[in-house]
Amino acid sequence: MTNHALREISLVKLTQWSGNVRKTAVETGIDELAASIAAHGLINPLTICSAPKGKFVVVAGQRRLLALKKLAKDGTIPKTHPVACTMRDDDTDPAELSLAENVVRVAMHPADQFTAWSGLIENGATVDEVAARFGVAASTVRKRMALARVSPRIFALYREGEIELEALQAFTISDDHERQDAVFDGMAGWQRNDPRAIRQALTEGEVPSSDRRARFVGIEAYEAAGGTVRRDLFDAREGGFLQDVALLDRLTVEKLHEVAAEVKAEGWLWTEARLSFDWTDRQEFDEAEAEFAPEGDGDEDDDSALSWSHEAKAIAGAVVCLSYSGEAVIERGLIRPGEIEPEADEGNGATGNDDEDADAISGPAALPASLIEELTAQRTASLRIELARCPETALALVVHTLAADVFYNQPKGILKAWITQRSLRTAMKDHDAALAVMALNDERDRIGDLLPGDRAGLWDWCMNASQTQLLDVLAVATAHGLDAVESKNDQNRFGTAEGATLSGTLKLDMAQWYRPTAAGYFGRIGKAAIMADLEAMRNAPPAPSWAKLKKGELAALAEREAEAHGWMPPLLR
């Protein structure tokens, strides 16, 4: 091994070498490197070769040179600062030296960095001091400290590459190691790298700061009333989770009642405050406009701009509710049943045949109708989020629906946006925990942030929006109207048929959104059906021991086998 003399060269005599092999992102992280050199000195010397006019070119250490030049420019060190250098004037190709420095090294694993920074803090350094020494923001230090504090068992799995950084970040939402480990153990393998599923499990029973109630009340007002917030360091919106749900609900209702009192002062017969008011709720009332037209020239779509007649106010009222975006919405001109005597409705006798409705149910005969309804609701929820992410297909579906109505006189179909939106809540036992439902809620939040705060400004926004923005809104709005549910209480033949077609177009993979479990699927079918499913999963005859198992044990076995083989119920394939 050849020894090369270590020398100190004045910074002003050092120049960059144009032949350095590193060409991309050369200046990335220079501020951090400069801060480290200022705090710790130059740990590794530069490698130089002689150049004309008493200068030296740096053939290895280009980024360290740039960091030193920055420190000199900022006045941290003098321009003549002595720099430790290794002189290489032998026959070695400078390009080879540059390549060797950049290739023959292994970057530190992030886990080692998190642990090392945590050690500095434990030895007495402050967060601000560490941030200054390494040229990063104090918030970055806090984040890496939080990562180092995750359960040692989970942290070790990250170090070994078993879980990803985003999953590790999600676990920092809780400081309870036992809770972190319990959540990890209770998750299926595919969930353990899903940050959304991890956060949801660790904050079960809490409300995200993006929730409409939290937006309506305001985090500051909630905290002023004594509420606590679990902060999420890795939320780009600096959000968190509100832990006192009862307090949040009370503050929400109180604020809605305040708005309702203001509306009552307009002269309405009554007002109500509700957290939500959807199409189903509206069916409880008649519409005052049908009998007493509002006066004035206001926009008919803007209820607040209308001047209602005294006759309408004398028999009608208003509901104050909370919009999805967290705004108070007022539905005026509603008439409660019995406030006006209904006219005789001749020839409107009830018709229908329960047997015919039952015949509309499709799918394997072994499945109960309630399970078919839930499975097809799961499929509908998954179709909704996939469609929300595919604006081009959403546009085609809207055109298809309108054309079927206008040109083929067939208004029925999979899209119900202009008729009624089916709520999937009653059909799905764990609606709020369904991955597809949560993903669509997130997508709606993202798009909702683009729109104006109230409907009055929506038209101007639409007229000025780009085609891409309009398509994004169209996709999410259209997705909410999809209905491919099979229920014994209604007939949806067009919807289920078109749902199958749309599934193919979107290349729907239900394995991304649903897993058959003992509680949700196998426990709701007979033992014979479970054994048939097990046989199909394993592609082998039934094991003699299966028949001896109790149904609960057999269902649990089927859940494990379905997970191992990636099996899905035939109705969802």
Protein backbone atom coordinates (compact mmCIF):
# COMPACT_ATOMS: atom_id res chain seq x y z
CA MET A 1 0.00 0.00 0.00
CA THR A 2 1.42 3.37 -1.01
CA ASN A 3 1.53 6.06 1.67
CA HIS A 4 0.34 9.51 0.62
CA ALA A 5 1.36 12.54 2.63
CA LEU A 6 -1.30 14.48 4.48
CA ARG A 7 -0.97 18.23 3.95
CA GLU A 8 -2.88 21.36 4.89
CA ILE A 9 -3.77 23.51 1.90
CA SER A 10 -5.35 26.96 2.04
CA LEU A 11 -9.00 26.79 1.00
CA VAL A 12 -8.50 29.59 -1.50
CA LYS A 13 -6.08 27.39 -3.49
CA LEU A 14 -8.53 24.48 -3.85
CA THR A 15 -10.73 24.21 -6.95
CA GLN A 16 -13.30 21.74 -8.26
CA TRP A 17 -12.22 19.18 -10.81
CA SER A 18 -14.34 19.12 -13.94
CA GLY A 19 -13.77 15.40 -14.31
CA ASN A 20 -15.49 14.39 -11.04
CA VAL A 21 -17.71 11.37 -11.72
CA ARG A 22 -20.56 12.67 -9.53
CA LYS A 23 -22.66 14.89 -11.81
CA THR A 24 -26.17 14.53 -10.40
CA ALA A 25 -27.55 16.27 -7.27
CA VAL A 26 -24.07 17.51 -6.36
CA GLU A 27 -25.38 20.37 -4.20
CA THR A 28 -28.16 18.39 -2.51
CA GLY A 29 -27.66 18.45 1.26
CA ILE A 30 -24.75 20.93 1.15
CA ASP A 31 -26.31 23.06 3.92
CA GLU A 32 -26.47 20.03 6.21
CA LEU A 33 -22.91 19.01 5.33
CA ALA A 34 -21.65 22.55 5.99
CA ALA A 35 -23.34 22.59 9.39
CA SER A 36 -21.75 19.25 10.26
CA ILE A 37 -18.27 20.44 9.23
CA ALA A 38 -18.74 23.63 11.26
CA ALA A 39 -19.72 21.59 14.32
CA HIS A 40 -17.42 18.58 14.00
CA GLY A 41 -14.63 19.69 11.68
CA LEU A 42 -13.56 18.01 8.44
CA ILE A 43 -13.57 14.35 9.40
CA ASN A 44 -12.24 12.99 6.09
CA PRO A 45 -9.49 14.87 4.18
CA LEU A 46 -9.86 15.86 0.54
CA THR A 47 -7.90 14.07 -2.16
CA ILE A 48 -6.06 16.52 -4.45
CA CYS A 49 -3.76 16.70 -7.44
CA SER A 50 -1.47 19.54 -8.50
CA ALA A 51 -2.80 22.15 -10.93
CA PRO A 52 -1.19 25.13 -12.71
CA LYS A 53 -0.50 28.48 -10.99
CA GLY A 54 -0.08 26.96 -7.55
CA LYS A 55 -3.61 25.63 -7.42
CA PHE A 56 -4.86 22.14 -6.54
CA VAL A 57 -7.89 20.29 -7.93
CA VAL A 58 -10.03 18.19 -5.62
CA VAL A 59 -10.51 14.80 -7.30
CA ALA A 60 -12.27 13.21 -4.34
CA GLY A 61 -14.32 15.26 -1.86
CA GLN A 62 -16.22 17.58 -4.20
CA ARG A 63 -19.22 18.04 -1.84
CA ARG A 64 -16.97 18.64 1.17
CA LEU A 65 -15.20 21.36 -0.85
CA LEU A 66 -18.53 23.00 -1.73
CA ALA A 67 -19.54 22.91 1.93
CA LEU A 68 -16.25 24.53 2.97
CA LYS A 69 -16.67 27.22 0.30
CA LYS A 70 -20.18 27.90 1.65
CA LEU A 71 -18.83 28.28 5.19
CA ALA A 72 -16.24 30.75 3.89
CA LYS A 73 -18.86 32.69 1.97
CA ASP A 74 -21.05 32.89 5.06
CA GLY A 75 -18.09 34.14 7.14
CA THR A 76 -18.00 31.05 9.37
CA ILE A 77 -14.40 30.29 8.39
CA PRO A 78 -11.79 32.48 6.63
CA LYS A 79 -11.15 32.08 2.92
CA THR A 80 -7.61 30.98 3.76
CA HIS A 81 -8.81 28.29 6.17
CA PRO A 82 -6.32 25.36 6.18
CA VAL A 83 -7.88 22.17 4.81
CA ALA A 84 -6.54 18.69 5.41
CA CYS A 85 -5.73 17.10 2.05
CA THR A 86 -4.06 13.95 0.70
CA MET A 87 -1.79 14.63 -2.28
CA ARG A 88 -2.06 12.11 -5.15
CA ASP A 89 0.47 12.91 -7.88
CA ASP A 90 1.19 9.26 -8.72
CA ASP A 91 0.09 7.44 -11.86
CA THR A 92 -3.40 6.61 -10.55
CA ASP A 93 -6.16 7.86 -12.85
CA PRO A 94 -7.98 10.74 -11.05
CA ALA A 95 -11.31 9.55 -12.47
CA GLU A 96 -10.70 6.18 -10.84
CA LEU A 97 -10.07 7.88 -7.47
CA SER A 98 -13.29 9.86 -7.82
CA LEU A 99 -15.20 6.72 -8.76
CA ALA A 100 -13.73 4.73 -5.87
CA GLU A 101 -14.82 7.29 -3.30
CA ASN A 102 -18.39 7.38 -4.59
CA VAL A 103 -18.83 3.65 -5.21
CA VAL A 104 -16.84 1.79 -2.58
CA ARG A 105 -18.88 2.92 0.40
CA VAL A 106 -22.10 1.85 2.07
CA ALA A 107 -24.54 4.47 3.31
CA MET A 108 -25.53 4.30 6.97
CA HIS A 109 -28.88 2.62 7.58
CA PRO A 110 -31.46 5.23 8.69
CA ALA A 111 -32.11 3.17 11.84
CA ASP A 112 -28.48 3.71 12.91
CA GLN A 113 -28.89 7.45 12.43
CA PHE A 114 -32.10 7.56 14.46
CA THR A 115 -30.42 5.66 17.29
CA ALA A 116 -27.29 7.80 17.22
CA TRP A 117 -29.24 11.07 17.37
CA SER A 118 -31.31 9.68 20.21
CA GLY A 119 -28.04 8.93 22.04
CA LEU A 120 -26.90 12.54 21.64
CA ILE A 121 -30.11 13.78 23.24
CA GLU A 122 -29.83 11.27 26.07
CA ASN A 123 -26.27 12.48 26.73
CA GLY A 124 -27.45 16.04 27.30
CA ALA A 125 -27.65 17.69 23.90
CA THR A 126 -30.81 19.66 23.16
CA VAL A 127 -32.95 19.22 20.07
CA ASP A 128 -31.92 22.66 18.80
CA GLU A 129 -28.23 21.90 19.34
CA VAL A 130 -28.41 18.65 17.37
CA ALA A 131 -30.37 20.41 14.63
CA ALA A 132 -27.69 23.11 14.36
CA ARG A 133 -24.80 20.63 14.34
CA PHE A 134 -26.27 18.66 11.45
CA GLY A 135 -27.92 21.52 9.56
CA VAL A 136 -31.51 20.28 9.78
CA ALA A 137 -34.74 21.66 11.22
CA ALA A 138 -35.58 20.97 14.86
CA SER A 139 -38.77 19.24 13.66
CA THR A 140 -36.60 16.76 11.73
CA VAL A 141 -34.71 15.89 14.91
CA ARG A 142 -37.98 15.39 16.80
CA LYS A 143 -39.27 13.08 14.07
CA ARG A 144 -36.14 10.95 14.11
CA MET A 145 -36.22 10.84 17.90
CA ALA A 146 -39.81 9.58 17.70
CA LEU A 147 -38.75 6.88 15.23
CA ALA A 148 -36.00 5.74 17.62
CA ARG A 149 -38.58 5.45 20.42
CA VAL A 150 -40.81 2.93 18.59
CA SER A 151 -41.08 -0.50 20.22
CA PRO A 152 -37.64 -2.20 20.06
CA ARG A 153 -39.22 -5.25 18.45
CA ILE A 154 -40.83 -3.24 15.64
CA PHE A 155 -37.72 -1.08 15.26
CA ALA A 156 -35.65 -4.24 14.79
CA LEU A 157 -38.02 -5.40 12.05
CA TYR A 158 -37.50 -2.08 10.28
CA ARG A 159 -33.74 -2.46 10.58
CA GLU A 160 -34.04 -5.95 9.06
CA GLY A 161 -36.17 -4.68 6.18
CA GLU A 162 -39.36 -6.45 7.28
CA ILE A 163 -41.36 -3.22 7.48
CA GLU A 164 -40.97 0.04 5.57
CA LEU A 165 -40.14 3.53 6.85
CA GLU A 166 -43.72 4.78 6.29
CA ALA A 167 -45.01 1.98 8.53
CA LEU A 168 -42.46 2.83 11.23
CA GLN A 169 -43.57 6.47 11.05
CA ALA A 170 -47.19 5.40 11.55
CA PHE A 171 -46.30 3.57 14.78
CA THR A 172 -44.98 6.84 16.31
CA ILE A 173 -48.57 8.02 16.78
CA SER A 174 -48.46 6.10 20.08
CA ASP A 175 -45.70 5.97 22.71
CA ASP A 176 -47.07 2.77 24.26
CA HIS A 177 -44.76 -0.11 23.26
CA GLU A 178 -47.20 -2.78 24.45
CA ARG A 179 -49.96 -1.20 22.39
CA GLN A 180 -47.70 -0.97 19.34
CA ASP A 181 -46.73 -4.64 19.63
CA ALA A 182 -50.34 -5.73 20.18
CA VAL A 183 -51.52 -3.84 17.09
CA PHE A 184 -48.69 -5.32 15.02
CA ASP A 185 -49.51 -8.86 16.19
CA GLY A 186 -53.21 -8.40 15.44
CA MET A 187 -52.66 -7.35 11.85
CA ALA A 188 -52.62 -9.53 8.78
CA GLY A 189 -49.31 -9.60 6.96
CA TRP A 190 -50.49 -7.29 4.20
CA GLN A 191 -51.59 -4.66 6.74
CA ARG A 192 -48.27 -4.36 8.56
CA ASN A 193 -46.90 -2.03 5.90
CA ASP A 194 -50.11 -0.01 5.52
CA PRO A 195 -49.57 3.31 7.38
CA ARG A 196 -53.29 4.16 7.26
CA ALA A 197 -54.31 0.84 8.81
CA ILE A 198 -51.63 1.17 11.51
CA ARG A 199 -52.69 4.68 12.49
CA GLN A 200 -56.34 3.68 12.54
CA ALA A 201 -55.66 0.73 14.84
CA LEU A 202 -53.51 2.78 17.22
CA THR A 203 -56.08 5.59 17.41
CA GLU A 204 -59.21 3.48 17.59
CA GLY A 205 -62.03 5.50 19.11
CA GLU A 206 -60.35 8.83 18.33
CA VAL A 207 -61.25 11.39 15.66
CA PRO A 208 -58.77 12.62 13.01
CA SER A 209 -58.29 16.38 12.79
CA SER A 210 -59.60 16.20 9.20
CA ASP A 211 -63.01 15.05 10.51
CA ARG A 212 -65.83 17.44 9.65
CA ARG A 213 -66.66 17.93 13.34
CA ALA A 214 -63.10 18.95 14.12
CA ARG A 215 -63.09 21.38 11.18
CA PHE A 216 -66.41 22.87 12.26
CA VAL A 217 -65.54 23.36 15.93
CA GLY A 218 -61.86 24.17 15.38
CA ILE A 219 -58.91 22.55 17.14
CA GLU A 220 -58.22 25.67 19.22
CA ALA A 221 -61.80 25.81 20.52
CA TYR A 222 -61.72 22.08 21.28
CA GLU A 223 -58.46 22.39 23.24
CA ALA A 224 -59.73 25.50 25.02
CA ALA A 225 -62.68 23.41 26.25
CA GLY A 226 -60.27 20.89 27.75
CA GLY A 227 -59.92 18.45 24.85
CA THR A 228 -56.64 16.69 24.14
CA VAL A 229 -55.06 16.01 20.76
CA ARG A 230 -52.68 13.19 19.87
CA ARG A 231 -50.28 14.88 17.44
CA ASP A 232 -48.96 13.12 14.35
CA LEU A 233 -45.41 14.32 13.63
CA PHE A 234 -45.51 12.79 10.16
CA ASP A 235 -48.76 14.35 8.99
CA ALA A 236 -47.89 16.89 6.28
CA ARG A 237 -50.93 18.92 7.36
CA GLU A 238 -49.68 18.92 10.98
CA GLY A 239 -52.83 17.17 12.07
CA GLY A 240 -53.53 14.67 14.78
CA PHE A 241 -56.33 12.80 16.52
CA LEU A 242 -58.86 14.27 18.93
CA GLN A 243 -59.20 11.96 21.91
CA ASP A 244 -62.32 13.27 23.68
CA VAL A 245 -65.03 12.35 21.17
CA ALA A 246 -67.89 13.08 23.58
CA LEU A 247 -66.62 16.63 24.10
CA LEU A 248 -66.20 17.12 20.35
CA ASP A 249 -69.77 15.95 19.69
CA ARG A 250 -71.11 18.27 22.41
CA LEU A 251 -69.25 21.28 21.03
CA THR A 252 -70.43 20.44 17.51
CA VAL A 253 -74.09 20.20 18.53
CA GLU A 254 -73.87 23.39 20.59
CA LYS A 255 -72.43 25.32 17.66
CA LEU A 256 -75.06 23.90 15.30
CA HIS A 257 -77.77 24.96 17.76
CA GLU A 258 -76.36 28.48 17.72
CA VAL A 259 -76.71 28.58 13.93
CA ALA A 260 -80.21 27.08 14.20
CA ALA A 261 -81.22 29.86 16.59
CA GLU A 262 -80.09 32.47 14.06
CA VAL A 263 -82.10 30.75 11.33
CA LYS A 264 -85.16 30.53 13.61
CA ALA A 265 -85.02 34.33 13.92
CA GLU A 266 -85.81 34.53 10.20
CA GLY A 267 -89.38 33.61 11.14
CA TRP A 268 -89.52 29.85 10.47
CA LEU A 269 -92.02 27.70 12.35
CA TRP A 270 -89.24 25.45 13.64
CA THR A 271 -85.54 24.65 13.24
CA GLU A 272 -83.51 21.54 13.96
CA ALA A 273 -79.77 20.92 14.35
CA ARG A 274 -78.43 17.62 12.98
CA LEU A 275 -74.96 16.27 12.42
CA SER A 276 -75.97 14.99 8.99
CA PHE A 277 -78.90 15.32 6.62
CA ASP A 278 -78.71 13.03 3.59
CA TRP A 279 -81.19 12.00 0.94
CA THR A 280 -82.79 9.40 3.21
CA ASP A 281 -83.33 11.97 5.98
CA ARG A 282 -84.90 14.38 3.50
CA GLN A 283 -87.64 11.83 2.80
CA GLU A 284 -89.01 12.59 6.28
CA PHE A 285 -90.18 15.97 5.02
CA ASP A 286 -92.18 17.58 2.27
CA GLU A 287 -90.77 20.51 0.32
CA ALA A 288 -92.36 23.93 0.88
CA GLU A 289 -91.44 25.07 -2.62
CA ALA A 290 -94.05 22.77 -4.09
CA GLU A 291 -96.84 24.76 -2.41
CA PHE A 292 -95.36 28.17 -1.71
CA ALA A 293 -92.82 29.44 -4.19
CA PRO A 294 -90.11 31.68 -2.70
CA GLU A 295 -90.15 35.31 -3.70
CA GLY A 296 -87.30 37.28 -5.22
CA ASP A 297 -84.75 36.86 -7.98
CA GLY A 298 -82.16 34.86 -6.04
CA ASP A 299 -80.29 31.89 -7.40
CA GLU A 300 -82.67 28.96 -7.03
CA ASP A 301 -79.77 26.71 -6.10
CA ASP A 302 -78.71 29.04 -3.28
CA ASP A 303 -81.25 28.63 -0.50
CA SER A 304 -79.86 31.47 1.59
CA ALA A 305 -80.39 33.99 -1.25
CA LEU A 306 -84.12 33.31 -1.51
CA SER A 307 -86.75 35.51 0.13
CA TRP A 308 -89.31 33.06 1.46
CA SER A 309 -92.96 34.06 1.74
CA HIS A 310 -94.61 34.48 5.14
CA GLU A 311 -97.00 31.66 4.20
CA ALA A 312 -94.09 29.26 3.68
CA LYS A 313 -92.40 30.21 6.95
CA ALA A 314 -95.68 29.77 8.83
CA ILE A 315 -95.83 26.05 8.01
CA ALA A 316 -92.23 25.10 7.32
CA GLY A 317 -88.91 25.04 9.03
CA ALA A 318 -85.21 24.49 8.48
CA VAL A 319 -82.60 21.89 9.30
CA VAL A 320 -79.06 23.00 10.13
CA CYS A 321 -76.57 20.21 9.46
CA LEU A 322 -72.88 19.64 8.96
CA SER A 323 -71.45 19.27 5.48
CA TYR A 324 -68.73 16.79 4.69
CA SER A 325 -66.20 19.64 4.56
CA GLY A 326 -67.16 20.85 8.02
CA GLU A 327 -69.41 23.77 7.11
CA ALA A 328 -72.87 24.52 8.52
CA VAL A 329 -75.47 23.87 5.81
CA ILE A 330 -79.05 25.16 6.09
CA GLU A 331 -81.92 23.32 4.43
CA ARG A 332 -84.88 25.72 4.49
CA GLY A 333 -88.49 25.22 3.49
CA LEU A 334 -89.05 21.74 4.96
CA ILE A 335 -92.53 20.67 6.07
CA ARG A 336 -92.94 18.04 8.77
CA PRO A 337 -95.48 15.28 8.14
CA GLY A 338 -98.89 16.34 9.46
CA GLU A 339 -98.27 20.07 9.27
CA ILE A 340 -100.41 20.16 6.07
CA GLU A 341 -103.35 17.86 5.45
CA PRO A 342 -102.45 15.53 2.57
CA GLU A 343 -104.78 15.36 -0.42
CA ALA A 344 -106.40 12.06 -1.28
CA ASP A 345 -104.10 10.01 -3.48
CA GLU A 346 -106.33 7.89 -5.62
CA GLY A 347 -105.19 4.78 -7.38
CA ASN A 348 -101.92 4.61 -5.55
CA GLY A 349 -102.27 1.19 -4.03
CA ALA A 350 -99.22 -0.75 -2.97
CA THR A 351 -97.82 -3.19 -5.46
CA GLY A 352 -94.88 -5.53 -5.46
CA ASN A 353 -93.97 -9.11 -4.87
CA ASP A 354 -91.48 -10.11 -2.20
CA ASP A 355 -90.86 -13.37 -3.98
CA GLU A 356 -89.91 -11.56 -7.16
CA ASP A 357 -87.53 -9.36 -5.16
CA ALA A 358 -85.99 -12.44 -3.62
CA ASP A 359 -85.51 -13.90 -7.10
CA ALA A 360 -83.38 -10.85 -7.95
CA ILE A 361 -80.64 -12.10 -5.63
CA SER A 362 -77.83 -13.71 -7.54
CA GLY A 363 -74.68 -15.50 -6.46
CA PRO A 364 -74.02 -18.91 -4.92
CA ALA A 365 -77.13 -20.47 -3.41
CA ALA A 366 -75.21 -21.36 -0.23
CA LEU A 367 -74.76 -17.70 0.70
CA PRO A 368 -77.45 -15.98 2.81
CA ALA A 369 -79.00 -12.85 1.29
CA SER A 370 -77.51 -10.61 4.00
CA LEU A 371 -74.00 -11.87 3.20
CA ILE A 372 -74.53 -11.37 -0.54
CA GLU A 373 -75.61 -7.81 0.22
CA GLU A 374 -72.49 -7.19 2.31
CA LEU A 375 -70.11 -8.71 -0.22
CA THR A 376 -71.58 -6.71 -3.08
CA ALA A 377 -71.47 -3.61 -0.86
CA GLN A 378 -67.75 -4.30 -0.33
CA ARG A 379 -67.36 -4.59 -4.08
CA THR A 380 -69.30 -1.35 -4.61
CA ALA A 381 -67.10 0.47 -2.08
CA SER A 382 -63.99 -0.80 -3.87
CA LEU A 383 -65.38 0.21 -7.26
CA ARG A 384 -66.05 3.69 -5.88
CA ILE A 385 -62.46 4.36 -4.81
CA GLU A 386 -61.03 2.84 -8.01
CA LEU A 387 -63.35 4.99 -10.12
CA ALA A 388 -62.50 8.08 -8.05
CA ARG A 389 -58.89 7.54 -9.11
CA CYS A 390 -59.72 7.13 -12.80
CA PRO A 391 -61.29 10.37 -14.14
CA GLU A 392 -61.36 9.17 -17.76
CA THR A 393 -63.51 6.15 -16.88
CA ALA A 394 -65.75 8.33 -14.69
CA LEU A 395 -66.37 10.65 -17.64
CA ALA A 396 -67.26 7.68 -19.86
CA LEU A 397 -69.64 6.37 -17.19
CA VAL A 398 -71.44 9.70 -16.89
CA VAL A 399 -71.87 9.90 -20.66
CA HIS A 400 -73.06 6.29 -20.71
CA THR A 401 -75.65 6.97 -18.01
CA LEU A 402 -77.02 10.09 -19.68
CA ALA A 403 -77.10 8.45 -23.11
CA ALA A 404 -78.91 5.38 -21.74
CA ASP A 405 -81.59 7.69 -20.35
CA VAL A 406 -81.96 10.08 -23.30
CA PHE A 407 -81.42 7.77 -26.28
CA TYR A 408 -82.48 4.37 -24.95
CA ASN A 409 -85.08 5.34 -22.35
CA GLN A 410 -83.31 3.21 -19.74
CA PRO A 411 -82.56 5.48 -16.76
CA LYS A 412 -81.74 2.55 -14.48
CA GLY A 413 -78.11 1.53 -14.17
CA ILE A 414 -75.11 1.38 -11.89
CA LEU A 415 -74.87 5.17 -11.46
CA LYS A 416 -77.45 6.65 -9.06
CA ALA A 417 -75.94 10.10 -8.55
CA TRP A 418 -78.99 11.92 -9.92
CA ILE A 419 -81.58 9.64 -8.31
CA THR A 420 -80.35 8.54 -4.91
CA GLN A 421 -77.06 7.45 -3.49
CA ARG A 422 -77.22 4.15 -1.69
CA SER A 423 -75.58 4.29 1.71
CA LEU A 424 -73.36 1.25 2.23
CA ARG A 425 -73.35 1.70 6.00
CA THR A 426 -76.31 -0.58 6.66
CA ALA A 427 -75.03 -3.30 4.32
CA MET A 428 -71.49 -3.44 5.75
CA LYS A 429 -70.95 -4.44 9.37
CA ASP A 430 -67.63 -2.61 9.75
CA HIS A 431 -68.33 0.16 7.27
CA ASP A 432 -66.04 2.81 8.79
CA ALA A 433 -63.12 0.38 9.01
CA ALA A 434 -63.37 -0.82 5.39
CA LEU A 435 -60.19 0.03 3.51
CA ALA A 436 -62.05 1.17 0.39
CA VAL A 437 -64.36 3.43 2.41
CA MET A 438 -61.44 5.06 4.23
CA ALA A 439 -59.54 5.54 0.97
CA LEU A 440 -62.53 7.19 -0.70
CA ASN A 441 -62.99 9.47 2.33
CA ASP A 442 -59.36 10.54 1.98
CA GLU A 443 -59.86 11.15 -1.74
CA ARG A 444 -62.96 13.21 -1.02
CA ASP A 445 -61.01 15.25 1.55
CA ARG A 446 -58.27 15.89 -1.01
CA ILE A 447 -60.68 17.05 -3.68
CA GLY A 448 -62.84 18.94 -1.17
CA ASP A 449 -59.83 21.09 -0.26
CA LEU A 450 -59.77 22.36 -3.85
CA LEU A 451 -63.38 23.58 -3.79
CA PRO A 452 -64.78 26.84 -2.35
CA GLY A 453 -66.12 26.83 1.18
CA ASP A 454 -69.78 27.21 0.15
CA ARG A 455 -71.96 26.38 -2.82
CA ALA A 456 -72.44 30.05 -3.75
CA GLY A 457 -68.87 30.13 -5.11
CA LEU A 458 -68.98 26.74 -6.80
CA TRP A 459 -70.12 27.93 -10.25
CA ASP A 460 -67.35 30.50 -10.59
CA TRP A 461 -64.85 27.90 -9.44
CA CYS A 462 -66.08 25.42 -12.06
CA MET A 463 -65.90 28.04 -14.82
CA ASN A 464 -62.29 28.89 -13.94
CA ALA A 465 -61.03 25.40 -13.10
CA SER A 466 -58.76 23.46 -15.43
CA GLN A 467 -60.03 20.41 -17.28
CA THR A 468 -57.88 18.21 -15.03
CA GLN A 469 -59.45 19.71 -11.90
CA LEU A 470 -62.96 19.29 -13.29
CA LEU A 471 -62.26 15.66 -14.15
CA ASP A 472 -60.90 15.01 -10.65
CA VAL A 473 -64.06 16.43 -9.07
CA LEU A 474 -66.21 14.55 -11.57
CA ALA A 475 -64.49 11.26 -10.73
CA VAL A 476 -64.98 11.54 -6.96
CA ALA A 477 -68.54 12.85 -7.23
CA THR A 478 -69.47 10.12 -9.73
CA ALA A 479 -67.87 7.43 -7.58
CA HIS A 480 -70.21 8.24 -4.69
CA GLY A 481 -73.19 7.39 -6.89
CA LEU A 482 -72.09 3.88 -7.86
CA ASP A 483 -74.50 1.12 -6.81
CA ALA A 484 -73.68 -2.51 -7.58
CA VAL A 485 -75.28 -3.88 -4.40
CA GLU A 486 -77.56 -6.94 -4.53
CA SER A 487 -80.28 -6.76 -1.89
CA LYS A 488 -83.43 -8.73 -1.30
CA ASN A 489 -85.27 -5.46 -0.72
CA ASP A 490 -84.76 -4.01 -4.18
CA GLN A 491 -83.93 -4.99 -7.72
CA ASN A 492 -80.67 -3.73 -9.17
CA ARG A 493 -80.14 -5.96 -12.19
CA PHE A 494 -78.72 -3.17 -14.37
CA GLY A 495 -76.45 -2.01 -11.56
CA THR A 496 -74.97 -5.44 -10.84
CA ALA A 497 -74.48 -6.24 -14.51
CA GLU A 498 -72.79 -2.92 -15.22
CA GLY A 499 -70.76 -3.35 -12.04
CA ALA A 500 -69.22 -6.49 -13.50
CA THR A 501 -68.34 -4.61 -16.69
CA LEU A 502 -66.89 -1.67 -14.76
CA SER A 503 -64.84 -4.06 -12.61
CA GLY A 504 -63.15 -5.34 -15.75
CA THR A 505 -62.52 -1.86 -17.10
CA LEU A 506 -60.95 -0.70 -13.84
CA LYS A 507 -59.12 -4.03 -13.41
CA LEU A 508 -60.57 -4.21 -9.91
CA ASP A 509 -58.54 -6.40 -7.57
CA MET A 510 -60.67 -7.03 -4.48
CA ALA A 511 -57.63 -8.45 -2.67
CA GLN A 512 -56.45 -4.85 -2.22
CA TRP A 513 -59.62 -3.90 -0.35
CA TYR A 514 -61.13 -6.97 1.29
CA ARG A 515 -60.16 -10.13 3.17
CA PRO A 516 -62.61 -12.95 4.01
CA THR A 517 -62.47 -13.42 7.78
CA ALA A 518 -64.06 -15.82 10.23
CA ALA A 519 -66.32 -13.11 11.65
CA GLY A 520 -67.17 -11.38 8.39
CA TYR A 521 -67.55 -14.31 6.01
CA PHE A 522 -66.88 -17.93 7.02
CA GLY A 523 -68.83 -17.69 10.28
CA ARG A 524 -71.91 -16.64 8.31
CA ILE A 525 -72.07 -19.71 6.04
CA GLY A 526 -72.65 -23.38 6.83
CA LYS A 527 -69.95 -25.93 7.66
CA ALA A 528 -70.45 -27.69 4.35
CA ALA A 529 -69.88 -24.43 2.50
CA ILE A 530 -66.76 -23.69 4.56
CA MET A 531 -65.37 -27.15 3.78
CA ALA A 532 -66.09 -26.64 0.10
CA ASP A 533 -64.20 -23.34 0.20
CA LEU A 534 -61.27 -24.97 2.00
CA GLU A 535 -61.16 -27.69 -0.61
CA ALA A 536 -61.10 -25.07 -3.35
CA MET A 537 -58.34 -23.09 -1.61
CA ARG A 538 -56.10 -26.11 -1.18
CA ASN A 539 -57.10 -27.80 -4.43
CA ALA A 540 -57.23 -31.05 -2.46
CA PRO A 541 -59.91 -33.35 -1.00
CA PRO A 542 -61.28 -32.46 2.47
CA ALA A 543 -59.04 -33.46 5.38
CA PRO A 544 -60.73 -36.03 7.69
CA SER A 545 -60.07 -33.76 10.70
CA TRP A 546 -62.17 -30.91 9.26
CA ALA A 547 -65.46 -32.63 9.96
CA LYS A 548 -64.54 -32.98 13.64
CA LEU A 549 -63.95 -29.26 14.12
CA LYS A 550 -66.57 -26.97 15.60
CA LYS A 551 -67.87 -24.35 13.22
CA GLY A 552 -65.91 -21.55 14.92
CA GLU A 553 -62.69 -23.54 14.66
CA LEU A 554 -63.41 -24.40 11.04
CA ALA A 555 -64.10 -20.74 10.23
CA ALA A 556 -60.83 -19.68 11.88
CA LEU A 557 -58.97 -22.34 9.87
CA ALA A 558 -60.59 -21.11 6.67
CA GLU A 559 -59.56 -17.52 7.45
CA ARG A 560 -55.92 -18.57 7.84
CA GLU A 561 -55.98 -20.66 4.68
CA ALA A 562 -57.65 -17.88 2.69
CA GLU A 563 -54.93 -15.46 3.80
CA ALA A 564 -52.20 -17.95 2.89
CA HIS A 565 -53.61 -18.75 -0.55
CA GLY A 566 -54.99 -15.31 -1.43
CA TRP A 567 -58.44 -16.84 -1.81
CA MET A 568 -61.53 -14.69 -2.41
CA PRO A 569 -65.24 -15.62 -2.39
CA PRO A 570 -66.43 -16.40 -5.93
CA LEU A 571 -68.82 -13.43 -5.79
CA LEU A 572 -65.85 -11.06 -5.53
CA ARG A 573 -63.50 -12.59 -8.08
